[in-house]
Amino acid sequence: QAPELYLGVGCHVPFLDVLTTMLDETIPLTTNEYDEWGNPNNEADYKTILAYSPYDNIEAKAYPNILVTTGLHDSQVQYWEPMKWVVKLR
């Protein structure tokens, strides 16, 4: 919300594309996480997820330096999520 306050940020295996992930029920643990993140098959939850999902809220503005790491075999965050976010952020 205030990127000008930071010189840099480290994001290590961040969950950034919440909406896409929660819509894919084939990803392990997704349906088990509906209580925590919301069920995007419910219209109200879909709108809520869309409002807080970092990938869906990238704006055209200056961001601090960001180091993003991902894990090829991470069981919680798909490896492509952080990469997809960085590409859109650029």
PDB file of N, CA and C in Angstrom:
ATOM      1  N   GLN A   1       0.801  -1.197   0.000  1.00  0.00           N
ATOM      2  CA  GLN A   1       0.000   0.000   0.000  1.00  0.00           C
ATOM      3  C   GLN A   1       0.842   1.258   0.000  1.00  0.00           C
ATOM      4  N   ALA A   2       2.089   1.149   0.468  1.00  0.00           N
ATOM      5  CA  ALA A   2       2.969   2.320   0.502  1.00  0.00           C
ATOM      6  C   ALA A   2       4.384   1.901   0.107  1.00  0.00           C
ATOM      7  N   PRO A   3       4.601   1.525  -1.147  1.00  0.00           N
ATOM      8  CA  PRO A   3       5.909   1.009  -1.557  1.00  0.00           C
ATOM      9  C   PRO A   3       7.046   2.006  -1.383  1.00  0.00           C
ATOM     10  N   GLU A   4       6.740   3.282  -1.343  1.00  0.00           N
ATOM     11  CA  GLU A   4       7.777   4.299  -1.179  1.00  0.00           C
ATOM     12  C   GLU A   4       8.446   4.236   0.197  1.00  0.00           C
ATOM     13  N   LEU A   5       7.865   3.517   1.122  1.00  0.00           N
ATOM     14  CA  LEU A   5       8.424   3.402   2.468  1.00  0.00           C
ATOM     15  C   LEU A   5       9.535   2.355   2.560  1.00  0.00           C
ATOM     16  N   TYR A   6       9.746   1.571   1.509  1.00  0.00           N
ATOM     17  CA  TYR A   6      10.682   0.453   1.564  1.00  0.00           C
ATOM     18  C   TYR A   6      11.754   0.573   0.493  1.00  0.00           C
ATOM     19  N   LEU A   7      12.977   0.212   0.851  1.00  0.00           N
ATOM     20  CA  LEU A   7      14.064   0.156  -0.121  1.00  0.00           C
ATOM     21  C   LEU A   7      14.058  -1.175  -0.856  1.00  0.00           C
ATOM     22  N   GLY A   8      13.586  -2.210  -0.200  1.00  0.00           N
ATOM     23  CA  GLY A   8      13.560  -3.532  -0.807  1.00  0.00           C
ATOM     24  C   GLY A   8      12.676  -4.475  -0.027  1.00  0.00           C
ATOM     25  N   VAL A   9      12.244  -5.521  -0.705  1.00  0.00           N
ATOM     26  CA  VAL A   9      11.357  -6.513  -0.105  1.00  0.00           C
ATOM     27  C   VAL A   9      11.834  -7.897  -0.532  1.00  0.00           C
ATOM     28  N   GLY A  10      11.825  -8.842   0.388  1.00  0.00           N
ATOM     29  CA  GLY A  10      12.136 -10.232   0.068  1.00  0.00           C
ATOM     30  C   GLY A  10      10.872 -11.072   0.153  1.00  0.00           C
ATOM     31  N   CYS A  11      10.541 -11.742  -0.916  1.00  0.00           N
ATOM     32  CA  CYS A  11       9.358 -12.620  -0.962  1.00  0.00           C
ATOM     33  C   CYS A  11       9.846 -14.037  -1.237  1.00  0.00           C
ATOM     34  N   HIS A  12       9.792 -14.881  -0.245  1.00  0.00           N
ATOM     35  CA  HIS A  12      10.318 -16.232  -0.380  1.00  0.00           C
ATOM     36  C   HIS A  12       9.168 -17.228  -0.474  1.00  0.00           C
ATOM     37  N   VAL A  13       8.979 -17.786  -1.653  1.00  0.00           N
ATOM     38  CA  VAL A  13       7.896 -18.706  -1.998  1.00  0.00           C
ATOM     39  C   VAL A  13       6.542 -18.084  -1.629  1.00  0.00           C
ATOM     40  N   PRO A  14       6.257 -16.905  -2.149  1.00  0.00           N
ATOM     41  CA  PRO A  14       5.008 -16.220  -1.801  1.00  0.00           C
ATOM     42  C   PRO A  14       3.797 -16.766  -2.555  1.00  0.00           C
ATOM     43  N   PHE A  15       2.662 -16.739  -1.905  1.00  0.00           N
ATOM     44  CA  PHE A  15       1.376 -17.144  -2.498  1.00  0.00           C
ATOM     45  C   PHE A  15       0.772 -15.884  -3.110  1.00  0.00           C
ATOM     46  N   LEU A  16       0.951 -15.690  -4.416  1.00  0.00           N
ATOM     47  CA  LEU A  16       0.624 -14.421  -5.055  1.00  0.00           C
ATOM     48  C   LEU A  16      -0.561 -14.465  -6.007  1.00  0.00           C
ATOM     49  N   ASP A  17      -0.803 -15.601  -6.620  1.00  0.00           N
ATOM     50  CA  ASP A  17      -1.907 -15.713  -7.579  1.00  0.00           C
ATOM     51  C   ASP A  17      -3.022 -16.525  -6.933  1.00  0.00           C
ATOM     52  N   VAL A  18      -3.596 -15.948  -5.916  1.00  0.00           N
ATOM     53  CA  VAL A  18      -4.571 -16.650  -5.079  1.00  0.00           C
ATOM     54  C   VAL A  18      -5.796 -17.080  -5.881  1.00  0.00           C
ATOM     55  N   LEU A  19      -6.328 -16.204  -6.694  1.00  0.00           N
ATOM     56  CA  LEU A  19      -7.558 -16.511  -7.421  1.00  0.00           C
ATOM     57  C   LEU A  19      -7.373 -17.686  -8.375  1.00  0.00           C
ATOM     58  N   THR A  20      -6.337 -17.654  -9.196  1.00  0.00           N
ATOM     59  CA  THR A  20      -6.108 -18.745 -10.146  1.00  0.00           C
ATOM     60  C   THR A  20      -5.901 -20.066  -9.421  1.00  0.00           C
ATOM     61  N   THR A  21      -5.119 -20.032  -8.361  1.00  0.00           N
ATOM     62  CA  THR A  21      -4.852 -21.259  -7.606  1.00  0.00           C
ATOM     63  C   THR A  21      -6.119 -21.813  -6.971  1.00  0.00           C
ATOM     64  N   MET A  22      -6.897 -20.955  -6.348  1.00  0.00           N
ATOM     65  CA  MET A  22      -8.101 -21.424  -5.667  1.00  0.00           C
ATOM     66  C   MET A  22      -9.178 -21.894  -6.647  1.00  0.00           C
ATOM     67  N   LEU A  23      -9.103 -21.460  -7.898  1.00  0.00           N
ATOM     68  CA  LEU A  23     -10.055 -21.931  -8.910  1.00  0.00           C
ATOM     69  C   LEU A  23      -9.686 -23.300  -9.462  1.00  0.00           C
ATOM     70  N   ASP A  24      -8.450 -23.741  -9.242  1.00  0.00           N
ATOM     71  CA  ASP A  24      -7.984 -25.022  -9.770  1.00  0.00           C
ATOM     72  C   ASP A  24      -8.069 -26.099  -8.693  1.00  0.00           C
ATOM     73  N   GLU A  25      -9.158 -26.831  -8.698  1.00  0.00           N
ATOM     74  CA  GLU A  25      -9.384 -27.853  -7.670  1.00  0.00           C
ATOM     75  C   GLU A  25      -8.480 -29.069  -7.827  1.00  0.00           C
ATOM     76  N   THR A  26      -7.727 -29.158  -8.934  1.00  0.00           N
ATOM     77  CA  THR A  26      -6.815 -30.288  -9.125  1.00  0.00           C
ATOM     78  C   THR A  26      -5.501 -30.094  -8.364  1.00  0.00           C
ATOM     79  N   ILE A  27      -5.235 -28.872  -7.916  1.00  0.00           N
ATOM     80  CA  ILE A  27      -4.020 -28.620  -7.144  1.00  0.00           C
ATOM     81  C   ILE A  27      -4.236 -29.159  -5.732  1.00  0.00           C
ATOM     82  N   PRO A  28      -3.306 -29.990  -5.241  1.00  0.00           N
ATOM     83  CA  PRO A  28      -3.468 -30.551  -3.899  1.00  0.00           C
ATOM     84  C   PRO A  28      -3.694 -29.466  -2.845  1.00  0.00           C
ATOM     85  N   LEU A  29      -4.554 -29.739  -1.924  1.00  0.00           N
ATOM     86  CA  LEU A  29      -4.885 -28.899  -0.769  1.00  0.00           C
ATOM     87  C   LEU A  29      -5.793 -27.714  -1.084  1.00  0.00           C
ATOM     88  N   THR A  30      -6.083 -27.441  -2.357  1.00  0.00           N
ATOM     89  CA  THR A  30      -6.876 -26.254  -2.694  1.00  0.00           C
ATOM     90  C   THR A  30      -8.226 -26.251  -1.995  1.00  0.00           C
ATOM     91  N   THR A  31      -9.005 -27.298  -2.148  1.00  0.00           N
ATOM     92  CA  THR A  31     -10.345 -27.300  -1.560  1.00  0.00           C
ATOM     93  C   THR A  31     -10.286 -27.292  -0.033  1.00  0.00           C
ATOM     94  N   ASN A  32      -9.209 -27.824   0.530  1.00  0.00           N
ATOM     95  CA  ASN A  32      -9.052 -27.793   1.989  1.00  0.00           C
ATOM     96  C   ASN A  32      -8.794 -26.379   2.503  1.00  0.00           C
ATOM     97  N   GLU A  33      -8.384 -25.486   1.630  1.00  0.00           N
ATOM     98  CA  GLU A  33      -8.038 -24.120   2.021  1.00  0.00           C
ATOM     99  C   GLU A  33      -9.187 -23.128   1.845  1.00  0.00           C
ATOM    100  N   TYR A  34     -10.344 -23.580   1.407  1.00  0.00           N
ATOM    101  CA  TYR A  34     -11.475 -22.671   1.194  1.00  0.00           C
ATOM    102  C   TYR A  34     -11.842 -21.899   2.461  1.00  0.00           C
ATOM    103  N   ASP A  35     -11.745 -22.537   3.615  1.00  0.00           N
ATOM    104  CA  ASP A  35     -12.090 -21.848   4.866  1.00  0.00           C
ATOM    105  C   ASP A  35     -11.150 -20.675   5.140  1.00  0.00           C
ATOM    106  N   GLU A  36      -9.887 -20.834   4.762  1.00  0.00           N
ATOM    107  CA  GLU A  36      -8.908 -19.776   5.028  1.00  0.00           C
ATOM    108  C   GLU A  36      -8.916 -18.679   3.960  1.00  0.00           C
ATOM    109  N   TRP A  37      -8.929 -19.078   2.688  1.00  0.00           N
ATOM    110  CA  TRP A  37      -8.775 -18.114   1.595  1.00  0.00           C
ATOM    111  C   TRP A  37     -10.089 -17.712   0.938  1.00  0.00           C
ATOM    112  N   GLY A  38     -11.115 -18.541   1.074  1.00  0.00           N
ATOM    113  CA  GLY A  38     -12.396 -18.303   0.412  1.00  0.00           C
ATOM    114  C   GLY A  38     -12.595 -19.288  -0.730  1.00  0.00           C
ATOM    115  N   ASN A  39     -13.842 -19.537  -1.063  1.00  0.00           N
ATOM    116  CA  ASN A  39     -14.185 -20.444  -2.159  1.00  0.00           C
ATOM    117  C   ASN A  39     -14.570 -19.601  -3.371  1.00  0.00           C
ATOM    118  N   PRO A  40     -13.725 -19.549  -4.399  1.00  0.00           N
ATOM    119  CA  PRO A  40     -14.002 -18.689  -5.545  1.00  0.00           C
ATOM    120  C   PRO A  40     -15.208 -19.128  -6.367  1.00  0.00           C
ATOM    121  N   ASN A  41     -15.758 -20.285  -6.072  1.00  0.00           N
ATOM    122  CA  ASN A  41     -16.981 -20.721  -6.744  1.00  0.00           C
ATOM    123  C   ASN A  41     -18.208 -20.017  -6.164  1.00  0.00           C
ATOM    124  N   ASN A  42     -18.011 -19.343  -5.039  1.00  0.00           N
ATOM    125  CA  ASN A  42     -19.038 -18.514  -4.409  1.00  0.00           C
ATOM    126  C   ASN A  42     -18.773 -17.068  -4.844  1.00  0.00           C
ATOM    127  N   GLU A  43     -19.773 -16.393  -5.389  1.00  0.00           N
ATOM    128  CA  GLU A  43     -19.571 -15.056  -5.960  1.00  0.00           C
ATOM    129  C   GLU A  43     -18.982 -14.053  -4.966  1.00  0.00           C
ATOM    130  N   ALA A  44     -19.477 -14.055  -3.747  1.00  0.00           N
ATOM    131  CA  ALA A  44     -18.962 -13.111  -2.741  1.00  0.00           C
ATOM    132  C   ALA A  44     -17.493 -13.398  -2.428  1.00  0.00           C
ATOM    133  N   ASP A  45     -17.147 -14.675  -2.266  1.00  0.00           N
ATOM    134  CA  ASP A  45     -15.756 -15.044  -2.009  1.00  0.00           C
ATOM    135  C   ASP A  45     -14.872 -14.702  -3.204  1.00  0.00           C
ATOM    136  N   TYR A  46     -15.372 -14.919  -4.413  1.00  0.00           N
ATOM    137  CA  TYR A  46     -14.615 -14.599  -5.625  1.00  0.00           C
ATOM    138  C   TYR A  46     -14.212 -13.124  -5.610  1.00  0.00           C
ATOM    139  N   LYS A  47     -15.165 -12.265  -5.319  1.00  0.00           N
ATOM    140  CA  LYS A  47     -14.893 -10.824  -5.290  1.00  0.00           C
ATOM    141  C   LYS A  47     -13.901 -10.466  -4.179  1.00  0.00           C
ATOM    142  N   THR A  48     -14.027 -11.130  -3.037  1.00  0.00           N
ATOM    143  CA  THR A  48     -13.109 -10.881  -1.929  1.00  0.00           C
ATOM    144  C   THR A  48     -11.692 -11.303  -2.298  1.00  0.00           C
ATOM    145  N   ILE A  49     -11.551 -12.502  -2.872  1.00  0.00           N
ATOM    146  CA  ILE A  49     -10.230 -12.992  -3.285  1.00  0.00           C
ATOM    147  C   ILE A  49      -9.629 -12.052  -4.326  1.00  0.00           C
ATOM    148  N   LEU A  50     -10.432 -11.644  -5.289  1.00  0.00           N
ATOM    149  CA  LEU A  50      -9.962 -10.733  -6.332  1.00  0.00           C
ATOM    150  C   LEU A  50      -9.448  -9.424  -5.730  1.00  0.00           C
ATOM    151  N   ALA A  51     -10.073  -8.985  -4.660  1.00  0.00           N
ATOM    152  CA  ALA A  51      -9.680  -7.729  -4.013  1.00  0.00           C
ATOM    153  C   ALA A  51      -8.351  -7.833  -3.266  1.00  0.00           C
ATOM    154  N   TYR A  52      -7.977  -9.029  -2.774  1.00  0.00           N
ATOM    155  CA  TYR A  52      -6.732  -9.131  -2.007  1.00  0.00           C
ATOM    156  C   TYR A  52      -5.618  -9.906  -2.701  1.00  0.00           C
ATOM    157  N   SER A  53      -5.905 -10.585  -3.795  1.00  0.00           N
ATOM    158  CA  SER A  53      -4.896 -11.381  -4.490  1.00  0.00           C
ATOM    159  C   SER A  53      -3.809 -10.469  -5.071  1.00  0.00           C
ATOM    160  N   PRO A  54      -2.562 -10.619  -4.630  1.00  0.00           N
ATOM    161  CA  PRO A  54      -1.496  -9.730  -5.107  1.00  0.00           C
ATOM    162  C   PRO A  54      -1.358  -9.691  -6.632  1.00  0.00           C
ATOM    163  N   TYR A  55      -1.466 -10.825  -7.286  1.00  0.00           N
ATOM    164  CA  TYR A  55      -1.333 -10.853  -8.746  1.00  0.00           C
ATOM    165  C   TYR A  55      -2.393  -9.986  -9.415  1.00  0.00           C
ATOM    166  N   ASP A  56      -3.585 -10.022  -8.903  1.00  0.00           N
ATOM    167  CA  ASP A  56      -4.695  -9.293  -9.511  1.00  0.00           C
ATOM    168  C   ASP A  56      -4.742  -7.824  -9.108  1.00  0.00           C
ATOM    169  N   ASN A  57      -3.831  -7.409  -8.260  1.00  0.00           N
ATOM    170  CA  ASN A  57      -3.839  -6.022  -7.792  1.00  0.00           C
ATOM    171  C   ASN A  57      -2.555  -5.262  -8.098  1.00  0.00           C
ATOM    172  N   ILE A  58      -1.796  -5.746  -9.070  1.00  0.00           N
ATOM    173  CA  ILE A  58      -0.613  -5.009  -9.503  1.00  0.00           C
ATOM    174  C   ILE A  58      -1.075  -3.737 -10.201  1.00  0.00           C
ATOM    175  N   GLU A  59      -0.450  -2.641  -9.830  1.00  0.00           N
ATOM    176  CA  GLU A  59      -0.779  -1.342 -10.420  1.00  0.00           C
ATOM    177  C   GLU A  59       0.437  -0.788 -11.154  1.00  0.00           C
ATOM    178  N   ALA A  60       0.201   0.084 -12.099  1.00  0.00           N
ATOM    179  CA  ALA A  60       1.286   0.747 -12.828  1.00  0.00           C
ATOM    180  C   ALA A  60       1.839   1.861 -11.949  1.00  0.00           C
ATOM    181  N   LYS A  61       2.826   1.524 -11.132  1.00  0.00           N
ATOM    182  CA  LYS A  61       3.472   2.497 -10.251  1.00  0.00           C
ATOM    183  C   LYS A  61       4.847   1.972  -9.881  1.00  0.00           C
ATOM    184  N   ALA A  62       5.633   2.802  -9.242  1.00  0.00           N
ATOM    185  CA  ALA A  62       6.969   2.393  -8.819  1.00  0.00           C
ATOM    186  C   ALA A  62       6.864   1.466  -7.610  1.00  0.00           C
ATOM    187  N   TYR A  63       7.593   0.378  -7.667  1.00  0.00           N
ATOM    188  CA  TYR A  63       7.663  -0.565  -6.553  1.00  0.00           C
ATOM    189  C   TYR A  63       9.100  -0.584  -6.037  1.00  0.00           C
ATOM    190  N   PRO A  64       9.300  -0.970  -4.786  1.00  0.00           N
ATOM    191  CA  PRO A  64      10.675  -1.095  -4.286  1.00  0.00           C
ATOM    192  C   PRO A  64      11.366  -2.274  -4.972  1.00  0.00           C
ATOM    193  N   ASN A  65      12.665  -2.380  -4.789  1.00  0.00           N
ATOM    194  CA  ASN A  65      13.376  -3.553  -5.288  1.00  0.00           C
ATOM    195  C   ASN A  65      12.783  -4.785  -4.623  1.00  0.00           C
ATOM    196  N   ILE A  66      12.601  -5.839  -5.403  1.00  0.00           N
ATOM    197  CA  ILE A  66      11.963  -7.043  -4.874  1.00  0.00           C
ATOM    198  C   ILE A  66      12.793  -8.266  -5.245  1.00  0.00           C
ATOM    199  N   LEU A  67      13.113  -9.076  -4.248  1.00  0.00           N
ATOM    200  CA  LEU A  67      13.754 -10.366  -4.466  1.00  0.00           C
ATOM    201  C   LEU A  67      12.676 -11.417  -4.264  1.00  0.00           C
ATOM    202  N   VAL A  68      12.411 -12.202  -5.294  1.00  0.00           N
ATOM    203  CA  VAL A  68      11.379 -13.234  -5.223  1.00  0.00           C
ATOM    204  C   VAL A  68      12.038 -14.582  -5.467  1.00  0.00           C
ATOM    205  N   THR A  69      11.785 -15.535  -4.574  1.00  0.00           N
ATOM    206  CA  THR A  69      12.284 -16.894  -4.761  1.00  0.00           C
ATOM    207  C   THR A  69      11.095 -17.843  -4.833  1.00  0.00           C
ATOM    208  N   THR A  70      11.330 -18.982  -5.439  1.00  0.00           N
ATOM    209  CA  THR A  70      10.287 -19.992  -5.547  1.00  0.00           C
ATOM    210  C   THR A  70      10.921 -21.358  -5.342  1.00  0.00           C
ATOM    211  N   GLY A  71      10.105 -22.361  -5.125  1.00  0.00           N
ATOM    212  CA  GLY A  71      10.611 -23.709  -4.932  1.00  0.00           C
ATOM    213  C   GLY A  71       9.995 -24.660  -5.943  1.00  0.00           C
ATOM    214  N   LEU A  72      10.823 -25.317  -6.712  1.00  0.00           N
ATOM    215  CA  LEU A  72      10.332 -26.217  -7.753  1.00  0.00           C
ATOM    216  C   LEU A  72       9.461 -27.331  -7.185  1.00  0.00           C
ATOM    217  N   HIS A  73       9.766 -27.784  -5.992  1.00  0.00           N
ATOM    218  CA  HIS A  73       9.019 -28.897  -5.397  1.00  0.00           C
ATOM    219  C   HIS A  73       8.250 -28.478  -4.145  1.00  0.00           C
ATOM    220  N   ASP A  74       7.914 -27.211  -4.022  1.00  0.00           N
ATOM    221  CA  ASP A  74       7.163 -26.729  -2.865  1.00  0.00           C
ATOM    222  C   ASP A  74       5.748 -27.299  -2.902  1.00  0.00           C
ATOM    223  N   SER A  75       5.263 -27.787  -1.785  1.00  0.00           N
ATOM    224  CA  SER A  75       3.931 -28.411  -1.749  1.00  0.00           C
ATOM    225  C   SER A  75       2.806 -27.404  -1.518  1.00  0.00           C
ATOM    226  N   GLN A  76       3.137 -26.171  -1.169  1.00  0.00           N
ATOM    227  CA  GLN A  76       2.115 -25.177  -0.859  1.00  0.00           C
ATOM    228  C   GLN A  76       1.888 -24.165  -1.981  1.00  0.00           C
ATOM    229  N   VAL A  77       2.957 -23.776  -2.656  1.00  0.00           N
ATOM    230  CA  VAL A  77       2.870 -22.757  -3.706  1.00  0.00           C
ATOM    231  C   VAL A  77       3.462 -23.336  -4.986  1.00  0.00           C
ATOM    232  N   GLN A  78       2.694 -23.325  -6.053  1.00  0.00           N
ATOM    233  CA  GLN A  78       3.188 -23.813  -7.338  1.00  0.00           C
ATOM    234  C   GLN A  78       4.356 -22.933  -7.789  1.00  0.00           C
ATOM    235  N   TYR A  79       5.404 -23.535  -8.327  1.00  0.00           N
ATOM    236  CA  TYR A  79       6.623 -22.794  -8.655  1.00  0.00           C
ATOM    237  C   TYR A  79       6.394 -21.652  -9.640  1.00  0.00           C
ATOM    238  N   TRP A  80       5.389 -21.767 -10.486  1.00  0.00           N
ATOM    239  CA  TRP A  80       5.147 -20.755 -11.519  1.00  0.00           C
ATOM    240  C   TRP A  80       4.457 -19.501 -10.984  1.00  0.00           C
ATOM    241  N   GLU A  81       3.826 -19.597  -9.822  1.00  0.00           N
ATOM    242  CA  GLU A  81       3.102 -18.429  -9.285  1.00  0.00           C
ATOM    243  C   GLU A  81       3.995 -17.208  -9.075  1.00  0.00           C
ATOM    244  N   PRO A  82       5.087 -17.327  -8.318  1.00  0.00           N
ATOM    245  CA  PRO A  82       5.951 -16.160  -8.146  1.00  0.00           C
ATOM    246  C   PRO A  82       6.534 -15.661  -9.470  1.00  0.00           C
ATOM    247  N   MET A  83       6.877 -16.592 -10.376  1.00  0.00           N
ATOM    248  CA  MET A  83       7.425 -16.188 -11.672  1.00  0.00           C
ATOM    249  C   MET A  83       6.395 -15.402 -12.475  1.00  0.00           C
ATOM    250  N   LYS A  84       5.162 -15.854 -12.475  1.00  0.00           N
ATOM    251  CA  LYS A  84       4.080 -15.177 -13.198  1.00  0.00           C
ATOM    252  C   LYS A  84       3.875 -13.764 -12.650  1.00  0.00           C
ATOM    253  N   TRP A  85       3.943 -13.624 -11.342  1.00  0.00           N
ATOM    254  CA  TRP A  85       3.770 -12.320 -10.700  1.00  0.00           C
ATOM    255  C   TRP A  85       4.887 -11.363 -11.101  1.00  0.00           C
ATOM    256  N   VAL A  86       6.138 -11.854 -11.093  1.00  0.00           N
ATOM    257  CA  VAL A  86       7.278 -11.017 -11.470  1.00  0.00           C
ATOM    258  C   VAL A  86       7.143 -10.548 -12.915  1.00  0.00           C
ATOM    259  N   VAL A  87       6.744 -11.436 -13.811  1.00  0.00           N
ATOM    260  CA  VAL A  87       6.574 -11.060 -15.220  1.00  0.00           C
ATOM    261  C   VAL A  87       5.535  -9.953 -15.354  1.00  0.00           C
ATOM    262  N   LYS A  88       4.422 -10.080 -14.669  1.00  0.00           N
ATOM    263  CA  LYS A  88       3.379  -9.050 -14.743  1.00  0.00           C
ATOM    264  C   LYS A  88       3.839  -7.748 -14.085  1.00  0.00           C
ATOM    265  N   LEU A  89       4.587  -7.858 -13.020  1.00  0.00           N
ATOM    266  CA  LEU A  89       5.075  -6.679 -12.302  1.00  0.00           C
ATOM    267  C   LEU A  89       6.036  -5.852 -13.153  1.00  0.00           C
ATOM    268  N   ARG A  90       6.830  -6.529 -13.975  1.00  0.00           N
ATOM    269  CA  ARG A  90       7.806  -5.831 -14.823  1.00  0.00           C
ATOM    270  C   ARG A  90       7.094  -4.999 -15.855  1.00  0.00           C
TER     271      ARG A  90
END
